[in-house]
Protein backbone atom coordinates (compact mmCIF):
# COMPACT_ATOMS: atom_id res chain seq x y z
CA UNK A 1 -86.65 460.54 -96.39
CA UNK A 2 -89.22 457.39 -95.09
CA UNK A 3 -91.41 458.13 -91.97
CA UNK A 4 -91.79 456.05 -89.21
CA UNK A 5 -94.66 453.24 -89.53
CA UNK A 6 -96.44 453.90 -86.70
CA UNK A 7 -97.92 450.07 -86.35
CA UNK A 8 -94.48 449.01 -85.68
CA UNK A 9 -93.63 452.11 -83.35
CA UNK A 10 -96.70 451.13 -81.42
CA UNK A 11 -95.81 447.19 -81.57
CA UNK A 12 -92.57 447.99 -80.00
CA UNK A 13 -94.44 449.90 -77.29
CA UNK A 14 -96.38 447.50 -76.15
CA UNK A 15 -93.59 444.87 -76.08
CA UNK A 16 -91.33 447.08 -73.94
CA UNK A 17 -94.60 447.91 -71.69
CA UNK A 18 -95.27 444.04 -71.39
CA UNK A 19 -91.49 443.52 -70.09
CA UNK A 20 -91.61 446.68 -67.90
CA UNK A 21 -94.91 445.60 -66.12
CA UNK A 22 -93.48 441.42 -65.30
CA UNK A 23 -90.74 443.19 -64.04
CA UNK A 24 -92.33 445.27 -61.53
CA UNK A 25 -94.72 442.54 -60.69
CA UNK A 26 -91.98 440.06 -59.69
CA UNK A 27 -93.55 436.90 -61.25
CA UNK A 28 -95.00 436.46 -64.86
CA UNK A 29 -98.06 434.02 -65.38
CA UNK A 30 -98.06 432.26 -68.51
CA UNK A 31 -101.00 430.80 -69.55
CA UNK A 32 -100.46 427.61 -69.09
CA UNK A 33 -100.70 428.03 -65.36
CA UNK A 34 -96.65 428.15 -64.88
CA UNK A 35 -95.99 431.01 -62.58
CA UNK A 36 -91.97 432.39 -63.07
CA UNK A 37 -90.67 434.02 -59.96
CA UNK A 38 -88.90 437.10 -61.21
CA UNK A 39 -87.60 438.18 -57.56
CA UNK A 40 -84.44 436.16 -57.74
CA UNK A 41 -80.99 436.61 -59.05
CA UNK A 42 -81.22 433.75 -61.52
CA UNK A 43 -84.16 435.37 -62.97
CA UNK A 44 -81.81 437.35 -65.19
CA UNK A 45 -81.71 434.79 -67.72
CA UNK A 46 -85.53 434.82 -67.88
CA UNK A 47 -85.37 438.36 -68.27
CA UNK A 48 -82.43 438.43 -71.04
CA UNK A 49 -84.82 435.92 -72.83
CA UNK A 50 -87.83 438.03 -72.38
CA UNK A 51 -86.04 441.27 -74.09
CA UNK A 52 -84.51 438.98 -76.68
CA UNK A 53 -87.63 437.38 -77.73
CA UNK A 54 -85.89 433.97 -78.75
CA UNK A 55 -86.35 430.48 -78.74
CA UNK A 56 -85.52 430.08 -75.06
CA UNK A 57 -88.37 432.70 -73.98
CA UNK A 58 -90.67 431.56 -71.37
CA UNK A 59 -93.72 433.24 -73.70
CA UNK A 60 -92.49 433.48 -77.20
CA UNK A 61 -95.79 434.36 -78.52
CA UNK A 62 -96.31 437.19 -75.89
CA UNK A 63 -92.82 438.75 -75.70
CA UNK A 64 -91.75 439.58 -79.09
CA UNK A 65 -87.93 440.15 -80.23
CA UNK A 66 -87.62 444.18 -79.83
CA UNK A 67 -84.39 444.38 -81.49
CA UNK A 68 -86.02 443.32 -84.90
CA UNK A 69 -88.88 446.21 -84.54
CA UNK A 70 -86.10 448.92 -83.19
CA UNK A 71 -83.75 448.14 -86.13
CA UNK A 72 -86.32 448.33 -88.48
CA UNK A 73 -87.84 451.77 -86.81
CA UNK A 74 -84.75 453.41 -86.59
CA UNK A 75 -83.34 452.73 -89.88
CA UNK A 76 -86.46 453.27 -91.20
CA UNK A 77 -86.30 450.04 -93.30
CA UNK A 78 -87.64 447.04 -93.28
CA UNK A 79 -86.09 443.32 -93.67
CA UNK A 80 -88.92 442.04 -95.68
CA UNK A 81 -90.43 443.19 -99.15
CA UNK A 82 -89.31 443.81 -102.77
CA UNK A 83 -85.56 444.50 -102.69
CA UNK A 84 -86.10 448.03 -104.72
CA UNK A 85 -88.46 448.91 -101.65
CA UNK A 86 -85.81 448.13 -99.21
CA UNK A 87 -83.80 451.24 -97.95
CA UNK A 88 -80.05 449.95 -96.85
CA UNK A 89 -78.98 451.48 -93.27
CA UNK A 90 -75.77 450.44 -90.88
CA UNK A 91 -78.51 449.57 -88.11
CA UNK A 92 -79.85 446.69 -90.70
CA UNK A 93 -76.74 444.67 -90.01
CA UNK A 94 -75.31 444.24 -86.95
CA UNK A 95 -71.63 444.33 -88.59
CA UNK A 96 -71.97 448.01 -89.02
CA UNK A 97 -74.52 448.99 -86.37
CA UNK A 98 -71.76 450.72 -84.14
CA UNK A 99 -71.38 453.23 -86.73
CA UNK A 100 -74.66 454.91 -86.09
CA UNK A 101 -74.55 456.97 -82.88
CA UNK A 102 -78.13 456.17 -82.65
CA UNK A 103 -77.43 452.35 -81.72
CA UNK A 104 -75.87 453.16 -78.36
CA UNK A 105 -78.85 455.28 -77.55
CA UNK A 106 -80.82 452.20 -77.81
CA UNK A 107 -78.70 450.07 -75.97
CA UNK A 108 -79.18 452.43 -73.00
CA UNK A 109 -82.78 451.48 -73.56
CA UNK A 110 -82.51 448.15 -73.01
CA UNK A 111 -79.88 448.35 -70.32
CA UNK A 112 -83.11 450.00 -68.75
CA UNK A 113 -84.80 446.29 -68.10
CA UNK A 114 -81.00 445.35 -66.62
CA UNK A 115 -81.24 448.13 -64.21
CA UNK A 116 -84.85 447.74 -63.63
CA UNK A 117 -84.77 444.08 -62.57
CA UNK A 118 -81.53 444.73 -60.29
CA UNK A 119 -83.39 447.50 -58.48
CA UNK A 120 -85.55 445.17 -56.95
CA UNK A 121 -82.85 442.78 -55.31
CA UNK A 122 -81.41 443.33 -52.05
CA UNK A 123 -78.30 445.13 -51.86
CA UNK A 124 -75.35 442.79 -51.09
CA UNK A 125 -74.67 442.02 -47.61
CA UNK A 126 -71.17 442.06 -45.94
CA UNK A 127 -70.35 438.42 -45.88
CA UNK A 128 -71.16 438.55 -49.80
CA UNK A 129 -69.06 441.39 -50.36
CA UNK A 130 -66.00 440.51 -48.06
CA UNK A 131 -63.34 437.97 -48.13
CA UNK A 132 -62.40 437.11 -44.89
CA UNK A 133 -58.46 437.07 -43.87
CA UNK A 134 -57.84 438.83 -47.33
CA UNK A 135 -56.64 442.44 -47.16
CA UNK A 136 -55.37 445.15 -50.18
CA UNK A 137 -52.91 447.27 -48.73
CA UNK A 138 -51.55 449.03 -51.50
CA UNK A 139 -52.25 449.81 -55.62
CA UNK A 140 -49.69 451.03 -57.78
CA UNK A 141 -49.95 451.96 -61.62
CA UNK A 142 -47.84 452.95 -64.31
CA UNK A 143 -48.46 456.53 -66.11
CA UNK A 144 -51.56 456.28 -68.26
CA UNK A 145 -50.73 457.98 -71.54
CA UNK A 146 -53.12 458.30 -74.58
CA UNK A 147 -52.21 459.33 -78.54
CA UNK A 148 -53.40 459.11 -81.83
CA UNK A 149 -51.62 457.18 -84.36
CA UNK A 150 -51.80 456.34 -88.28
CA UNK A 151 -53.03 453.10 -89.17
CA UNK A 152 -53.26 451.76 -92.54
CA UNK A 153 -56.24 449.63 -93.48
CA UNK A 154 -55.83 446.77 -96.51
CA UNK A 155 -58.43 447.70 -98.66
CA UNK A 156 -57.20 445.65 -101.83
CA UNK A 157 -59.30 442.57 -101.20
CA UNK A 158 -62.54 444.56 -101.43
CA UNK A 159 -61.93 446.60 -104.54
CA UNK A 160 -63.60 445.69 -108.10
CA UNK A 161 -59.89 446.14 -110.29
CA UNK A 162 -58.14 443.90 -108.02
CA UNK A 163 -59.40 440.94 -109.49
CA UNK A 164 -57.96 439.17 -112.54
CA UNK A 165 -59.41 439.96 -115.84
CA UNK A 166 -60.50 436.46 -117.67
CA UNK A 167 -59.99 438.30 -121.51
CA UNK A 168 -57.18 440.30 -120.82
CA UNK A 169 -55.24 437.99 -118.56
CA UNK A 170 -54.20 441.21 -116.55
CA UNK A 171 -54.22 441.56 -112.96
CA UNK A 172 -53.54 444.69 -110.75
CA UNK A 173 -50.34 444.64 -109.26
CA UNK A 174 -50.70 447.09 -106.20
CA UNK A 175 -52.12 446.87 -102.62
CA UNK A 176 -54.29 449.70 -101.72
CA UNK A 177 -54.53 451.41 -98.31
CA UNK A 178 -56.73 453.57 -96.61
CA UNK A 179 -55.24 455.87 -93.56
CA UNK A 180 -57.03 457.02 -90.78
CA UNK A 181 -56.24 458.14 -87.49
CA UNK A 182 -56.68 455.62 -84.46
CA UNK A 183 -56.97 456.18 -80.50
CA UNK A 184 -54.16 454.21 -78.53
CA UNK A 185 -52.70 454.27 -75.33
CA UNK A 186 -49.12 453.37 -73.81
CA UNK A 187 -48.91 449.57 -72.72
CA UNK A 188 -48.89 449.57 -68.58
CA UNK A 189 -48.83 447.88 -65.64
CA UNK A 190 -50.12 447.72 -61.94
CA UNK A 191 -48.81 446.12 -58.85
CA UNK A 192 -51.28 445.39 -55.98
CA UNK A 193 -50.11 444.08 -52.58
CA UNK A 194 -52.38 441.51 -50.82
CA UNK A 195 -52.24 440.58 -47.43
CA UNK A 196 -53.55 437.14 -46.69
CA UNK A 197 -54.20 434.99 -43.57
CA UNK A 198 -55.63 431.99 -45.73
CA UNK A 199 -54.04 429.87 -48.53
CA UNK A 200 -56.78 429.47 -51.49
CA UNK A 201 -58.04 430.94 -55.05
CA UNK A 202 -59.08 434.50 -55.58
CA UNK A 203 -61.18 435.70 -58.51
CA UNK A 204 -59.52 439.66 -58.76
CA UNK A 205 -62.15 442.03 -60.85
CA UNK A 206 -60.77 445.34 -62.31
CA UNK A 207 -63.15 448.17 -62.84
CA UNK A 208 -62.69 451.86 -64.37
CA UNK A 209 -65.18 454.54 -63.81
CA UNK A 210 -65.63 457.82 -63.14
CA UNK A 211 -64.20 459.71 -60.19
CA UNK A 212 -66.14 460.44 -56.74
CA UNK A 213 -66.70 462.61 -53.93
CA UNK A 214 -68.32 459.79 -51.49
CA UNK A 215 -70.02 456.23 -51.61
CA UNK A 216 -73.16 458.08 -51.81
CA UNK A 217 -71.90 459.81 -54.89
CA UNK A 218 -70.91 456.34 -56.22
CA UNK A 219 -74.52 454.75 -56.05
CA UNK A 220 -74.98 456.83 -59.13
CA UNK A 221 -72.20 456.49 -60.73
CA UNK A 222 -71.73 452.57 -60.29
CA UNK A 223 -73.67 452.07 -63.56
CA UNK A 224 -70.46 453.66 -65.80
CA UNK A 225 -67.87 451.32 -64.17
CA UNK A 226 -66.75 449.53 -66.89
CA UNK A 227 -65.05 445.77 -66.15
CA UNK A 228 -61.35 445.71 -67.58
CA UNK A 229 -60.17 442.40 -66.41
CA UNK A 230 -60.69 439.18 -64.67
CA UNK A 231 -58.19 436.36 -63.51
CA UNK A 232 -57.62 434.04 -60.91
CA UNK A 233 -54.54 434.07 -58.42
CA UNK A 234 -53.74 431.62 -55.84
CA UNK A 235 -53.24 433.53 -52.72
CA UNK A 236 -50.24 432.36 -49.78
CA UNK A 237 -50.40 433.24 -46.07
CA UNK A 238 -48.40 436.48 -45.69
CA UNK A 239 -47.77 439.25 -48.45
CA UNK A 240 -48.56 438.54 -51.90
CA UNK A 241 -47.42 440.72 -54.77
CA UNK A 242 -49.46 440.39 -57.79
CA UNK A 243 -48.31 441.68 -61.34
CA UNK A 244 -50.93 442.28 -64.24
CA UNK A 245 -50.15 444.07 -67.59
CA UNK A 246 -52.62 445.17 -70.19
CA UNK A 247 -50.79 442.66 -72.50
CA UNK A 248 -52.56 439.85 -70.13
CA UNK A 249 -56.03 441.77 -69.53
CA UNK A 250 -58.57 438.54 -70.58
CA UNK A 251 -61.41 440.63 -72.55
CA UNK A 252 -58.83 442.39 -74.77
CA UNK A 253 -57.96 441.56 -78.33
CA UNK A 254 -55.08 442.64 -81.13
CA UNK A 255 -55.94 443.69 -84.46
CA UNK A 256 -56.71 440.73 -87.04
CA UNK A 257 -54.26 439.61 -89.26
CA UNK A 258 -54.92 441.04 -92.78
CA UNK A 259 -55.05 438.99 -95.99
CA UNK A 260 -51.89 440.40 -97.26
CA UNK A 261 -50.07 439.73 -94.48
CA UNK A 262 -51.47 436.27 -94.12
CA UNK A 263 -50.53 435.86 -98.19
CA UNK A 264 -46.99 436.94 -97.77
CA UNK A 265 -46.43 434.42 -94.74
CA UNK A 266 -47.55 431.64 -96.91
CA UNK A 267 -45.30 432.69 -99.66
CA UNK A 268 -42.43 432.99 -97.51
CA UNK A 269 -43.37 429.68 -96.07
CA UNK A 270 -43.18 428.18 -99.69
CA UNK A 271 -40.22 429.73 -100.53
CA UNK A 272 -38.46 428.26 -97.15
CA UNK A 273 -37.83 431.53 -95.99
CA UNK A 274 -39.94 431.84 -92.49
CA UNK A 275 -41.70 428.27 -91.33
CA UNK A 276 -45.40 428.63 -91.93
CA UNK A 277 -47.32 428.43 -88.40
CA UNK A 278 -50.12 425.83 -88.88
CA UNK A 279 -51.90 427.16 -85.75
CA UNK A 280 -52.26 431.06 -85.89
CA UNK A 281 -55.45 431.32 -83.99
CA UNK A 282 -57.27 434.70 -83.10
CA UNK A 283 -59.92 435.86 -80.86
CA UNK A 284 -63.29 435.69 -82.23
CA UNK A 285 -64.45 438.51 -80.47
CA UNK A 286 -63.48 441.14 -77.34
CA UNK A 287 -62.77 444.71 -76.72
CA UNK A 288 -60.35 446.44 -79.13
CA UNK A 289 -56.74 446.72 -76.93
CA UNK A 290 -55.99 449.89 -78.40
CA UNK A 291 -59.43 451.37 -76.95
CA UNK A 292 -58.95 450.26 -73.44
CA UNK A 293 -58.45 453.82 -72.14
CA UNK A 294 -60.61 456.93 -73.10
CA UNK A 295 -58.98 459.53 -74.24
CA UNK A 296 -57.14 461.96 -72.10
CA UNK A 297 -56.43 465.52 -71.64
CA UNK A 298 -52.89 467.03 -72.35
CA UNK A 299 -53.55 468.24 -68.50
CA UNK A 300 -54.94 465.28 -67.33
CA UNK A 301 -58.32 463.12 -67.45
CA UNK A 302 -59.49 462.23 -63.72
CA UNK A 303 -61.02 458.61 -63.23
CA UNK A 304 -60.58 456.17 -60.70
CA UNK A 305 -59.66 452.19 -60.99
CA UNK A 306 -61.54 449.90 -58.76
CA UNK A 307 -60.25 446.46 -58.17
CA UNK A 308 -61.99 443.45 -55.43
CA UNK A 309 -60.88 439.84 -54.55
CA UNK A 310 -63.44 437.60 -54.35
CA UNK A 311 -63.36 433.66 -53.14
CA UNK A 312 -63.33 431.50 -56.18
CA UNK A 313 -66.65 429.87 -56.34
CA UNK A 314 -66.80 427.84 -59.41
CA UNK A 315 -69.43 428.43 -62.17
CA UNK A 316 -72.29 426.23 -62.43
CA UNK A 317 -71.68 425.95 -66.33
CA UNK A 318 -67.76 426.21 -66.64
CA UNK A 319 -66.39 428.02 -69.69
CA UNK A 320 -66.11 425.34 -72.69
CA UNK A 321 -65.06 426.85 -75.49
CA UNK A 322 -62.01 428.92 -76.26
CA UNK A 323 -61.99 432.45 -77.43
CA UNK A 324 -61.20 431.55 -80.45
CA UNK A 325 -64.14 429.64 -81.38
CA UNK A 326 -66.73 432.13 -80.04
CA UNK A 327 -67.82 434.40 -77.22
CA UNK A 328 -70.10 431.94 -75.24
CA UNK A 329 -73.20 434.08 -75.69
CA UNK A 330 -76.30 432.38 -74.94
CA UNK A 331 -74.47 429.44 -73.68
CA UNK A 332 -74.68 429.76 -70.23
CA UNK A 333 -70.87 429.11 -69.62
CA UNK A 334 -69.17 431.73 -67.55
CA UNK A 335 -65.25 432.48 -67.17
CA UNK A 336 -63.74 432.81 -63.83
CA UNK A 337 -66.31 432.07 -61.41
CA UNK A 338 -70.30 432.28 -60.72
CA UNK A 339 -70.71 435.31 -59.34
CA UNK A 340 -72.58 437.72 -62.17
CA UNK A 341 -71.10 440.06 -64.58
CA UNK A 342 -70.72 443.56 -63.03
CA UNK A 343 -70.16 442.32 -59.40
CA UNK A 344 -70.34 444.36 -56.92
CA UNK A 345 -71.88 447.25 -58.95
CA UNK A 346 -74.73 445.42 -60.21
CA UNK A 347 -77.14 445.77 -57.47
CA UNK A 348 -78.17 448.84 -55.03
CA UNK A 349 -75.63 449.86 -52.77
CA UNK A 350 -75.72 449.74 -48.75
CA UNK A 351 -73.29 452.75 -48.30
CA UNK A 352 -72.74 451.68 -44.62
CA UNK A 353 -70.64 448.77 -45.38
CA UNK A 354 -69.84 448.71 -49.15
CA UNK A 355 -66.10 449.54 -48.61
CA UNK A 356 -64.53 446.32 -47.10
CA UNK A 357 -60.75 445.38 -46.78
CA UNK A 358 -60.57 443.39 -49.72
CA UNK A 359 -61.35 445.71 -52.30
CA UNK A 360 -59.35 449.45 -53.34
CA UNK A 361 -60.15 452.60 -55.35
CA UNK A 362 -57.16 454.23 -56.97
CA UNK A 363 -57.63 457.38 -58.46
CA UNK A 364 -55.74 458.34 -61.33
CA UNK A 365 -55.51 460.57 -64.60
CA UNK A 366 -54.77 459.89 -67.86
CA UNK A 367 -52.67 462.55 -69.92
CA UNK A 368 -53.31 462.65 -73.99
CA UNK A 369 -49.94 463.69 -76.21
CA UNK A 370 -50.77 465.42 -79.13
CA UNK A 371 -48.48 465.30 -82.41
CA UNK A 372 -48.40 462.58 -84.44
CA UNK A 373 -44.68 462.48 -85.76
CA UNK A 374 -43.78 462.10 -82.10
CA UNK A 375 -46.30 459.04 -81.16
CA UNK A 376 -44.66 457.27 -84.44
CA UNK A 377 -41.13 457.70 -82.78
């Protein structure tokens, strides 16, 4: 096994230290005399460009791309050199990085910059958390169930014997599948009752995280709350009944249409058996719908849901591209409103006034069903 390159490892440590020192100092003084303030909420964009080391970095010569060094060190490889000397590895490609468990340890390290920066921002005030005139009175959910199911992945297009032989004029006439067990969940709905004294728009955020005993414990667990959904609603004076299905969750995406299925649709259209849809756009990126819930336990796995309704504040850069074109990463555009991602868990909490009337916690239990034959039915 190839050992770590001590020079690359030291370079990565040096670049990490530069970022941490800038965050702790609260400002960065450029060589040209420009001073950048790192104690505002908007400075998160500056921190992100510093960590990424991209063209928008405030000082590209000083803050280098950590991701490049980390991948070379952790994969024990290199992006440059003679082809025979390069060692392939899952971390050397973005498409295969998620196969390696150490990749998630690296992401946790990168998130350390984010939480370090957020620790210097003041906690949200009551006015920033509250939505005057809005109160969530009740929240109900369907029973949460997870299970394993078989999934057949079509791998025919990636096998060499599926190609036509130019000499023998023969072709492999079979479809090859690879079967695996995958985690899935039963689709569920939730219903929320909201009492409103005003008429207007609101933004609903739904989170999932570990169960806690008191708000002080939540201060330590807030970083593990994951945003599941975000959507805009029209609120009327009186009681509002809001229903939402997991099938409508904004971040969720379904499985991609396989090449074989697409080919069958084309052929059915050619034979006039079924009209072929010209627009079958699919999500360019997103969270797999089947992984929305963590695996439950036969006796139940305890978690908590959190929902907050906030006033609709239009973002400075509205979302101008659809999910079929891209994720919008790096564009500065936001979906929903102008509040930061992770609100209100992205800052330190003042336990004295965190739980306002426009938010609600709901303790739920996830049950897991064993038996693939039963799940198939």
